[in-house]
Amino acid sequence: MKKLYVGNLPFSATEDEVTQLFGQHGTVHSVALINDRETGRPRGFGFVEMDDDAAMAAIQALDGQEMGGRPLRVNEAQERPRRGGGGGYGGGGGGRW
């Protein structure tokens, strides 16, 4: 199973609409549309889980296709590195003293 990133979604998009769109290319196991933590408003992106072959077909067919007047960005989701909790010291670096 593959997880797909779906970006540039119209803010009015629903999980049902995304499921129907991706369902044309295979079985959709899950859809998660991301909302802003503070406002609860849609952020215009989400994730879709599909079987491997169906996911590849969906990427080919839907990347760049318009939904609600916006060209979708569809690709395989990349794992985000886990962030360490709190504090400005320790954890990942990059800063200088």
PDB file of N, CA and C in Angstrom:
ATOM      1  N   MET A   1       0.845  -1.178   0.000  1.00  0.00           N
ATOM      2  CA  MET A   1       0.000   0.000   0.000  1.00  0.00           C
ATOM      3  C   MET A   1       0.891   1.242   0.000  1.00  0.00           C
ATOM      4  N   LYS A   2       0.453   2.255  -0.753  1.00  0.00           N
ATOM      5  CA  LYS A   2       1.204   3.515  -0.839  1.00  0.00           C
ATOM      6  C   LYS A   2       0.360   4.651  -0.297  1.00  0.00           C
ATOM      7  N   LYS A   3       1.047   5.612   0.318  1.00  0.00           N
ATOM      8  CA  LYS A   3       0.396   6.833   0.766  1.00  0.00           C
ATOM      9  C   LYS A   3       0.763   7.928  -0.224  1.00  0.00           C
ATOM     10  N   LEU A   4      -0.258   8.608  -0.736  1.00  0.00           N
ATOM     11  CA  LEU A   4      -0.054   9.688  -1.692  1.00  0.00           C
ATOM     12  C   LEU A   4      -0.279  11.029  -1.026  1.00  0.00           C
ATOM     13  N   TYR A   5       0.547  11.997  -1.389  1.00  0.00           N
ATOM     14  CA  TYR A   5       0.339  13.388  -1.003  1.00  0.00           C
ATOM     15  C   TYR A   5      -0.505  14.031  -2.090  1.00  0.00           C
ATOM     16  N   VAL A   6      -1.547  14.750  -1.690  1.00  0.00           N
ATOM     17  CA  VAL A   6      -2.410  15.453  -2.633  1.00  0.00           C
ATOM     18  C   VAL A   6      -2.413  16.921  -2.222  1.00  0.00           C
ATOM     19  N   GLY A   7      -1.773  17.751  -3.034  1.00  0.00           N
ATOM     20  CA  GLY A   7      -1.660  19.169  -2.720  1.00  0.00           C
ATOM     21  C   GLY A   7      -2.478  20.032  -3.663  1.00  0.00           C
ATOM     22  N   ASN A   8      -2.651  21.278  -3.268  1.00  0.00           N
ATOM     23  CA  ASN A   8      -3.376  22.289  -4.040  1.00  0.00           C
ATOM     24  C   ASN A   8      -4.857  21.929  -4.177  1.00  0.00           C
ATOM     25  N   LEU A   9      -5.380  21.248  -3.167  1.00  0.00           N
ATOM     26  CA  LEU A   9      -6.814  20.928  -3.155  1.00  0.00           C
ATOM     27  C   LEU A   9      -7.619  22.206  -2.951  1.00  0.00           C
ATOM     28  N   PRO A  10      -8.798  22.287  -3.564  1.00  0.00           N
ATOM     29  CA  PRO A  10      -9.660  23.418  -3.247  1.00  0.00           C
ATOM     30  C   PRO A  10     -10.048  23.334  -1.767  1.00  0.00           C
ATOM     31  N   PHE A  11     -10.181  24.469  -1.112  1.00  0.00           N
ATOM     32  CA  PHE A  11     -10.485  24.468   0.319  1.00  0.00           C
ATOM     33  C   PHE A  11     -11.871  23.895   0.597  1.00  0.00           C
ATOM     34  N   SER A  12     -12.695  23.801  -0.442  1.00  0.00           N
ATOM     35  CA  SER A  12     -14.047  23.258  -0.292  1.00  0.00           C
ATOM     36  C   SER A  12     -14.098  21.739  -0.462  1.00  0.00           C
ATOM     37  N   ALA A  13     -12.973  21.111  -0.814  1.00  0.00           N
ATOM     38  CA  ALA A  13     -12.951  19.669  -1.083  1.00  0.00           C
ATOM     39  C   ALA A  13     -13.337  18.880   0.165  1.00  0.00           C
ATOM     40  N   THR A  14     -14.103  17.803  -0.053  1.00  0.00           N
ATOM     41  CA  THR A  14     -14.483  16.916   1.051  1.00  0.00           C
ATOM     42  C   THR A  14     -13.785  15.572   0.876  1.00  0.00           C
ATOM     43  N   GLU A  15     -13.735  14.803   1.960  1.00  0.00           N
ATOM     44  CA  GLU A  15     -13.133  13.469   1.878  1.00  0.00           C
ATOM     45  C   GLU A  15     -13.886  12.602   0.879  1.00  0.00           C
ATOM     46  N   ASP A  16     -15.211  12.744   0.821  1.00  0.00           N
ATOM     47  CA  ASP A  16     -16.004  11.955  -0.131  1.00  0.00           C
ATOM     48  C   ASP A  16     -15.632  12.286  -1.578  1.00  0.00           C
ATOM     49  N   GLU A  17     -15.460  13.576  -1.876  1.00  0.00           N
ATOM     50  CA  GLU A  17     -15.093  13.977  -3.241  1.00  0.00           C
ATOM     51  C   GLU A  17     -13.721  13.431  -3.622  1.00  0.00           C
ATOM     52  N   VAL A  18     -12.775  13.510  -2.703  1.00  0.00           N
ATOM     53  CA  VAL A  18     -11.422  13.005  -2.971  1.00  0.00           C
ATOM     54  C   VAL A  18     -11.463  11.481  -3.134  1.00  0.00           C
ATOM     55  N   THR A  19     -12.241  10.808  -2.302  1.00  0.00           N
ATOM     56  CA  THR A  19     -12.387   9.352  -2.410  1.00  0.00           C
ATOM     57  C   THR A  19     -12.957   8.977  -3.769  1.00  0.00           C
ATOM     58  N   GLN A  20     -13.983   9.693  -4.222  1.00  0.00           N
ATOM     59  CA  GLN A  20     -14.582   9.401  -5.534  1.00  0.00           C
ATOM     60  C   GLN A  20     -13.576   9.618  -6.662  1.00  0.00           C
ATOM     61  N   LEU A  21     -12.843  10.730  -6.595  1.00  0.00           N
ATOM     62  CA  LEU A  21     -11.876  11.047  -7.645  1.00  0.00           C
ATOM     63  C   LEU A  21     -10.801   9.970  -7.741  1.00  0.00           C
ATOM     64  N   PHE A  22     -10.210   9.604  -6.613  1.00  0.00           N
ATOM     65  CA  PHE A  22      -9.135   8.614  -6.612  1.00  0.00           C
ATOM     66  C   PHE A  22      -9.684   7.203  -6.825  1.00  0.00           C
ATOM     67  N   GLY A  23     -10.934   6.973  -6.424  1.00  0.00           N
ATOM     68  CA  GLY A  23     -11.563   5.661  -6.581  1.00  0.00           C
ATOM     69  C   GLY A  23     -11.728   5.248  -8.035  1.00  0.00           C
ATOM     70  N   GLN A  24     -11.642   6.197  -8.958  1.00  0.00           N
ATOM     71  CA  GLN A  24     -11.709   5.873 -10.382  1.00  0.00           C
ATOM     72  C   GLN A  24     -10.485   5.069 -10.823  1.00  0.00           C
ATOM     73  N   HIS A  25      -9.447   5.052  -9.984  1.00  0.00           N
ATOM     74  CA  HIS A  25      -8.180   4.408 -10.352  1.00  0.00           C
ATOM     75  C   HIS A  25      -7.862   3.185  -9.500  1.00  0.00           C
ATOM     76  N   GLY A  26      -8.750   2.864  -8.563  1.00  0.00           N
ATOM     77  CA  GLY A  26      -8.542   1.696  -7.709  1.00  0.00           C
ATOM     78  C   GLY A  26      -9.160   1.910  -6.341  1.00  0.00           C
ATOM     79  N   THR A  27      -8.965   0.928  -5.473  1.00  0.00           N
ATOM     80  CA  THR A  27      -9.547   0.982  -4.136  1.00  0.00           C
ATOM     81  C   THR A  27      -8.823   2.005  -3.279  1.00  0.00           C
ATOM     82  N   VAL A  28      -9.610   2.889  -2.668  1.00  0.00           N
ATOM     83  CA  VAL A  28      -9.076   3.888  -1.739  1.00  0.00           C
ATOM     84  C   VAL A  28      -9.259   3.331  -0.330  1.00  0.00           C
ATOM     85  N   HIS A  29      -8.161   3.190   0.399  1.00  0.00           N
ATOM     86  CA  HIS A  29      -8.225   2.656   1.760  1.00  0.00           C
ATOM     87  C   HIS A  29      -8.480   3.743   2.787  1.00  0.00           C
ATOM     88  N   SER A  30      -7.947   4.938   2.553  1.00  0.00           N
ATOM     89  CA  SER A  30      -8.212   6.035   3.483  1.00  0.00           C
ATOM     90  C   SER A  30      -7.924   7.377   2.812  1.00  0.00           C
ATOM     91  N   VAL A  31      -8.615   8.395   3.315  1.00  0.00           N
ATOM     92  CA  VAL A  31      -8.394   9.779   2.886  1.00  0.00           C
ATOM     93  C   VAL A  31      -8.319  10.625   4.149  1.00  0.00           C
ATOM     94  N   ALA A  32      -7.311  11.468   4.228  1.00  0.00           N
ATOM     95  CA  ALA A  32      -7.189  12.390   5.359  1.00  0.00           C
ATOM     96  C   ALA A  32      -6.896  13.782   4.812  1.00  0.00           C
ATOM     97  N   LEU A  33      -7.845  14.690   4.973  1.00  0.00           N
ATOM     98  CA  LEU A  33      -7.629  16.085   4.581  1.00  0.00           C
ATOM     99  C   LEU A  33      -7.165  16.834   5.818  1.00  0.00           C
ATOM    100  N   ILE A  34      -6.132  17.649   5.647  1.00  0.00           N
ATOM    101  CA  ILE A  34      -5.488  18.296   6.786  1.00  0.00           C
ATOM    102  C   ILE A  34      -6.098  19.675   7.042  1.00  0.00           C
ATOM    103  N   ASN A  35      -6.438  19.900   8.312  1.00  0.00           N
ATOM    104  CA  ASN A  35      -6.968  21.197   8.742  1.00  0.00           C
ATOM    105  C   ASN A  35      -5.945  21.910   9.604  1.00  0.00           C
ATOM    106  N   ASP A  36      -6.020  23.233   9.610  1.00  0.00           N
ATOM    107  CA  ASP A  36      -5.161  24.045  10.456  1.00  0.00           C
ATOM    108  C   ASP A  36      -5.499  23.768  11.923  1.00  0.00           C
ATOM    109  N   ARG A  37      -4.485  23.549  12.739  1.00  0.00           N
ATOM    110  CA  ARG A  37      -4.692  23.230  14.148  1.00  0.00           C
ATOM    111  C   ARG A  37      -5.404  24.342  14.910  1.00  0.00           C
ATOM    112  N   GLU A  38      -5.062  25.579  14.584  1.00  0.00           N
ATOM    113  CA  GLU A  38      -5.604  26.704  15.352  1.00  0.00           C
ATOM    114  C   GLU A  38      -6.971  27.146  14.870  1.00  0.00           C
ATOM    115  N   THR A  39      -7.173  27.185  13.549  1.00  0.00           N
ATOM    116  CA  THR A  39      -8.432  27.716  13.021  1.00  0.00           C
ATOM    117  C   THR A  39      -9.426  26.626  12.649  1.00  0.00           C
ATOM    118  N   GLY A  40      -8.942  25.391  12.435  1.00  0.00           N
ATOM    119  CA  GLY A  40      -9.822  24.314  12.011  1.00  0.00           C
ATOM    120  C   GLY A  40     -10.173  24.368  10.528  1.00  0.00           C
ATOM    121  N   ARG A  41      -9.627  25.352   9.814  1.00  0.00           N
ATOM    122  CA  ARG A  41      -9.910  25.489   8.380  1.00  0.00           C
ATOM    123  C   ARG A  41      -9.016  24.555   7.569  1.00  0.00           C
ATOM    124  N   PRO A  42      -9.527  24.134   6.397  1.00  0.00           N
ATOM    125  CA  PRO A  42      -8.716  23.259   5.530  1.00  0.00           C
ATOM    126  C   PRO A  42      -7.426  23.952   5.092  1.00  0.00           C
ATOM    127  N   ARG A  43      -6.354  23.170   4.990  1.00  0.00           N
ATOM    128  CA  ARG A  43      -5.063  23.721   4.570  1.00  0.00           C
ATOM    129  C   ARG A  43      -4.781  23.487   3.093  1.00  0.00           C
ATOM    130  N   GLY A  44      -5.689  22.779   2.393  1.00  0.00           N
ATOM    131  CA  GLY A  44      -5.526  22.610   0.957  1.00  0.00           C
ATOM    132  C   GLY A  44      -4.654  21.437   0.552  1.00  0.00           C
ATOM    133  N   PHE A  45      -4.444  20.502   1.481  1.00  0.00           N
ATOM    134  CA  PHE A  45      -3.722  19.290   1.108  1.00  0.00           C
ATOM    135  C   PHE A  45      -4.200  18.132   1.971  1.00  0.00           C
ATOM    136  N   GLY A  46      -3.823  16.934   1.550  1.00  0.00           N
ATOM    137  CA  GLY A  46      -4.214  15.757   2.301  1.00  0.00           C
ATOM    138  C   GLY A  46      -3.452  14.543   1.826  1.00  0.00           C
ATOM    139  N   PHE A  47      -3.876  13.385   2.309  1.00  0.00           N
ATOM    140  CA  PHE A  47      -3.209  12.128   1.999  1.00  0.00           C
ATOM    141  C   PHE A  47      -4.246  11.078   1.640  1.00  0.00           C
ATOM    142  N   VAL A  48      -3.892  10.235   0.672  1.00  0.00           N
ATOM    143  CA  VAL A  48      -4.758   9.150   0.221  1.00  0.00           C
ATOM    144  C   VAL A  48      -3.937   7.872   0.259  1.00  0.00           C
ATOM    145  N   GLU A  49      -4.500   6.808   0.825  1.00  0.00           N
ATOM    146  CA  GLU A  49      -3.827   5.508   0.812  1.00  0.00           C
ATOM    147  C   GLU A  49      -4.540   4.583  -0.166  1.00  0.00           C
ATOM    148  N   MET A  50      -3.738   3.967  -1.051  1.00  0.00           N
ATOM    149  CA  MET A  50      -4.249   3.060  -2.081  1.00  0.00           C
ATOM    150  C   MET A  50      -3.256   1.917  -2.258  1.00  0.00           C
ATOM    151  N   ASP A  51      -3.723   0.841  -2.908  1.00  0.00           N
ATOM    152  CA  ASP A  51      -2.806  -0.244  -3.275  1.00  0.00           C
ATOM    153  C   ASP A  51      -1.756   0.303  -4.237  1.00  0.00           C
ATOM    154  N   ASP A  52      -0.593  -0.332  -4.276  1.00  0.00           N
ATOM    155  CA  ASP A  52       0.545   0.175  -5.052  1.00  0.00           C
ATOM    156  C   ASP A  52       0.204   0.488  -6.509  1.00  0.00           C
ATOM    157  N   ASP A  53      -0.385  -0.479  -7.222  1.00  0.00           N
ATOM    158  CA  ASP A  53      -0.681  -0.273  -8.647  1.00  0.00           C
ATOM    159  C   ASP A  53      -1.697   0.841  -8.853  1.00  0.00           C
ATOM    160  N   ALA A  54      -2.716   0.872  -8.003  1.00  0.00           N
ATOM    161  CA  ALA A  54      -3.743   1.901  -8.105  1.00  0.00           C
ATOM    162  C   ALA A  54      -3.146   3.279  -7.804  1.00  0.00           C
ATOM    163  N   ALA A  55      -2.247   3.329  -6.845  1.00  0.00           N
ATOM    164  CA  ALA A  55      -1.614   4.596  -6.478  1.00  0.00           C
ATOM    165  C   ALA A  55      -0.803   5.148  -7.651  1.00  0.00           C
ATOM    166  N   MET A  56      -0.054   4.282  -8.317  1.00  0.00           N
ATOM    167  CA  MET A  56       0.748   4.729  -9.451  1.00  0.00           C
ATOM    168  C   MET A  56      -0.149   5.228 -10.584  1.00  0.00           C
ATOM    169  N   ALA A  57      -1.260   4.522 -10.817  1.00  0.00           N
ATOM    170  CA  ALA A  57      -2.210   4.941 -11.850  1.00  0.00           C
ATOM    171  C   ALA A  57      -2.825   6.298 -11.497  1.00  0.00           C
ATOM    172  N   ALA A  58      -3.134   6.494 -10.226  1.00  0.00           N
ATOM    173  CA  ALA A  58      -3.726   7.760  -9.783  1.00  0.00           C
ATOM    174  C   ALA A  58      -2.738   8.910  -9.953  1.00  0.00           C
ATOM    175  N   ILE A  59      -1.475   8.677  -9.631  1.00  0.00           N
ATOM    176  CA  ILE A  59      -0.458   9.728  -9.810  1.00  0.00           C
ATOM    177  C   ILE A  59      -0.394  10.123 -11.286  1.00  0.00           C
ATOM    178  N   GLN A  60      -0.315   9.121 -12.156  1.00  0.00           N
ATOM    179  CA  GLN A  60      -0.221   9.379 -13.598  1.00  0.00           C
ATOM    180  C   GLN A  60      -1.420  10.174 -14.100  1.00  0.00           C
ATOM    181  N   ALA A  61      -2.611   9.787 -13.643  1.00  0.00           N
ATOM    182  CA  ALA A  61      -3.836  10.386 -14.176  1.00  0.00           C
ATOM    183  C   ALA A  61      -4.195  11.723 -13.533  1.00  0.00           C
ATOM    184  N   LEU A  62      -3.882  11.896 -12.246  1.00  0.00           N
ATOM    185  CA  LEU A  62      -4.436  13.042 -11.520  1.00  0.00           C
ATOM    186  C   LEU A  62      -3.463  14.181 -11.258  1.00  0.00           C
ATOM    187  N   ASP A  63      -2.158  13.926 -11.351  1.00  0.00           N
ATOM    188  CA  ASP A  63      -1.204  15.015 -11.123  1.00  0.00           C
ATOM    189  C   ASP A  63      -1.403  16.073 -12.216  1.00  0.00           C
ATOM    190  N   GLY A  64      -1.752  17.281 -11.812  1.00  0.00           N
ATOM    191  CA  GLY A  64      -1.983  18.365 -12.760  1.00  0.00           C
ATOM    192  C   GLY A  64      -3.439  18.510 -13.177  1.00  0.00           C
ATOM    193  N   GLN A  65      -4.269  17.507 -12.893  1.00  0.00           N
ATOM    194  CA  GLN A  65      -5.694  17.616 -13.237  1.00  0.00           C
ATOM    195  C   GLN A  65      -6.360  18.648 -12.326  1.00  0.00           C
ATOM    196  N   GLU A  66      -7.291  19.401 -12.896  1.00  0.00           N
ATOM    197  CA  GLU A  66      -7.962  20.428 -12.108  1.00  0.00           C
ATOM    198  C   GLU A  66      -9.087  19.852 -11.274  1.00  0.00           C
ATOM    199  N   MET A  67      -9.183  20.378 -10.059  1.00  0.00           N
ATOM    200  CA  MET A  67     -10.303  20.094  -9.169  1.00  0.00           C
ATOM    201  C   MET A  67     -10.709  21.423  -8.577  1.00  0.00           C
ATOM    202  N   GLY A  68     -11.922  21.836  -8.820  1.00  0.00           N
ATOM    203  CA  GLY A  68     -12.378  23.118  -8.293  1.00  0.00           C
ATOM    204  C   GLY A  68     -11.571  24.286  -8.821  1.00  0.00           C
ATOM    205  N   GLY A  69     -11.067  24.161 -10.059  1.00  0.00           N
ATOM    206  CA  GLY A  69     -10.303  25.239 -10.670  1.00  0.00           C
ATOM    207  C   GLY A  69      -8.840  25.297 -10.256  1.00  0.00           C
ATOM    208  N   ARG A  70      -8.375  24.299  -9.505  1.00  0.00           N
ATOM    209  CA  ARG A  70      -6.973  24.280  -9.053  1.00  0.00           C
ATOM    210  C   ARG A  70      -6.292  23.012  -9.565  1.00  0.00           C
ATOM    211  N   PRO A  71      -5.080  23.150 -10.124  1.00  0.00           N
ATOM    212  CA  PRO A  71      -4.356  21.951 -10.595  1.00  0.00           C
ATOM    213  C   PRO A  71      -3.797  21.161  -9.410  1.00  0.00           C
ATOM    214  N   LEU A  72      -4.204  19.910  -9.294  1.00  0.00           N
ATOM    215  CA  LEU A  72      -3.752  19.078  -8.180  1.00  0.00           C
ATOM    216  C   LEU A  72      -2.278  18.726  -8.310  1.00  0.00           C
ATOM    217  N   ARG A  73      -1.632  18.551  -7.190  1.00  0.00           N
ATOM    218  CA  ARG A  73      -0.271  18.016  -7.119  1.00  0.00           C
ATOM    219  C   ARG A  73      -0.403  16.669  -6.435  1.00  0.00           C
ATOM    220  N   VAL A  74      -0.094  15.604  -7.156  1.00  0.00           N
ATOM    221  CA  VAL A  74      -0.235  14.254  -6.611  1.00  0.00           C
ATOM    222  C   VAL A  74       1.086  13.528  -6.764  1.00  0.00           C
ATOM    223  N   ASN A  75       1.640  13.057  -5.646  1.00  0.00           N
ATOM    224  CA  ASN A  75       2.852  12.247  -5.691  1.00  0.00           C
ATOM    225  C   ASN A  75       2.916  11.353  -4.463  1.00  0.00           C
ATOM    226  N   GLU A  76       3.901  10.469  -4.472  1.00  0.00           N
ATOM    227  CA  GLU A  76       4.045   9.576  -3.326  1.00  0.00           C
ATOM    228  C   GLU A  76       4.494  10.392  -2.122  1.00  0.00           C
ATOM    229  N   ALA A  77       3.814  10.191  -1.002  1.00  0.00           N
ATOM    230  CA  ALA A  77       4.138  10.936   0.214  1.00  0.00           C
ATOM    231  C   ALA A  77       5.514  10.516   0.716  1.00  0.00           C
ATOM    232  N   GLN A  78       6.246  11.484   1.236  1.00  0.00           N
ATOM    233  CA  GLN A  78       7.551  11.219   1.826  1.00  0.00           C
ATOM    234  C   GLN A  78       7.405  11.224   3.343  1.00  0.00           C
ATOM    235  N   GLU A  79       8.057  10.267   3.998  1.00  0.00           N
ATOM    236  CA  GLU A  79       8.029  10.249   5.454  1.00  0.00           C
ATOM    237  C   GLU A  79       8.690  11.508   5.985  1.00  0.00           C
ATOM    238  N   ARG A  80       8.041  12.149   6.908  1.00  0.00           N
ATOM    239  CA  ARG A  80       8.628  13.332   7.527  1.00  0.00           C
ATOM    240  C   ARG A  80       9.454  12.892   8.717  1.00  0.00           C
ATOM    241  N   PRO A  81      10.677  13.422   8.840  1.00  0.00           N
ATOM    242  CA  PRO A  81      11.470  13.027  10.007  1.00  0.00           C
ATOM    243  C   PRO A  81      10.769  13.471  11.283  1.00  0.00           C
ATOM    244  N   ARG A  82      10.828  12.635  12.288  1.00  0.00           N
ATOM    245  CA  ARG A  82      10.210  12.972  13.571  1.00  0.00           C
ATOM    246  C   ARG A  82      10.986  14.090  14.228  1.00  0.00           C
ATOM    247  N   ARG A  83      10.255  15.044  14.750  1.00  0.00           N
ATOM    248  CA  ARG A  83      10.915  16.150  15.446  1.00  0.00           C
ATOM    249  C   ARG A  83      11.035  15.808  16.912  1.00  0.00           C
ATOM    250  N   GLY A  84      12.152  16.248  17.518  1.00  0.00           N
ATOM    251  CA  GLY A  84      12.310  16.099  18.949  1.00  0.00           C
ATOM    252  C   GLY A  84      11.369  17.062  19.649  1.00  0.00           C
ATOM    253  N   GLY A  85      11.026  16.772  20.867  1.00  0.00           N
ATOM    254  CA  GLY A  85      10.092  17.636  21.590  1.00  0.00           C
ATOM    255  C   GLY A  85      10.774  18.869  22.143  1.00  0.00           C
ATOM    256  N   GLY A  86      10.092  19.989  22.088  1.00  0.00           N
ATOM    257  CA  GLY A  86      10.402  21.254  22.756  1.00  0.00           C
ATOM    258  C   GLY A  86      11.842  21.713  22.802  1.00  0.00           C
ATOM    259  N   GLY A  87      12.041  22.829  23.439  1.00  0.00           N
ATOM    260  CA  GLY A  87      13.368  23.355  23.728  1.00  0.00           C
ATOM    261  C   GLY A  87      14.191  23.744  22.527  1.00  0.00           C
ATOM    262  N   GLY A  88      15.086  24.690  22.734  1.00  0.00           N
ATOM    263  CA  GLY A  88      15.932  25.148  21.662  1.00  0.00           C
ATOM    264  C   GLY A  88      17.306  24.521  21.702  1.00  0.00           C
ATOM    265  N   TYR A  89      17.593  23.774  22.753  1.00  0.00           N
ATOM    266  CA  TYR A  89      18.912  23.159  22.893  1.00  0.00           C
ATOM    267  C   TYR A  89      18.797  21.673  22.631  1.00  0.00           C
ATOM    268  N   GLY A  90      19.840  21.089  22.065  1.00  0.00           N
ATOM    269  CA  GLY A  90      19.834  19.654  21.820  1.00  0.00           C
ATOM    270  C   GLY A  90      18.955  19.318  20.618  1.00  0.00           C
ATOM    271  N   GLY A  91      18.697  18.064  20.423  1.00  0.00           N
ATOM    272  CA  GLY A  91      17.910  17.644  19.277  1.00  0.00           C
ATOM    273  C   GLY A  91      18.649  17.946  17.998  1.00  0.00           C
ATOM    274  N   GLY A  92      17.951  18.155  16.911  1.00  0.00           N
ATOM    275  CA  GLY A  92      18.595  18.496  15.641  1.00  0.00           C
ATOM    276  C   GLY A  92      19.312  19.818  15.758  1.00  0.00           C
ATOM    277  N   GLY A  93      20.293  20.034  14.948  1.00  0.00           N
ATOM    278  CA  GLY A  93      21.098  21.232  15.132  1.00  0.00           C
ATOM    279  C   GLY A  93      21.000  22.187  13.991  1.00  0.00           C
ATOM    280  N   GLY A  94      22.069  22.799  13.688  1.00  0.00           N
ATOM    281  CA  GLY A  94      22.104  23.749  12.599  1.00  0.00           C
ATOM    282  C   GLY A  94      22.402  25.149  13.098  1.00  0.00           C
ATOM    283  N   GLY A  95      21.963  25.459  14.304  1.00  0.00           N
ATOM    284  CA  GLY A  95      22.209  26.790  14.858  1.00  0.00           C
ATOM    285  C   GLY A  95      23.619  26.897  15.395  1.00  0.00           C
ATOM    286  N   ARG A  96      24.065  28.136  15.550  1.00  0.00           N
ATOM    287  CA  ARG A  96      25.392  28.365  16.135  1.00  0.00           C
ATOM    288  C   ARG A  96      25.229  29.096  17.449  1.00  0.00           C
ATOM    289  N   TRP A  97      26.232  28.970  18.280  1.00  0.00           N
ATOM    290  CA  TRP A  97      26.232  29.695  19.559  1.00  0.00           C
ATOM    291  C   TRP A  97      26.741  31.072  19.344  1.00  0.00           C
TER     292      TRP A  97
END
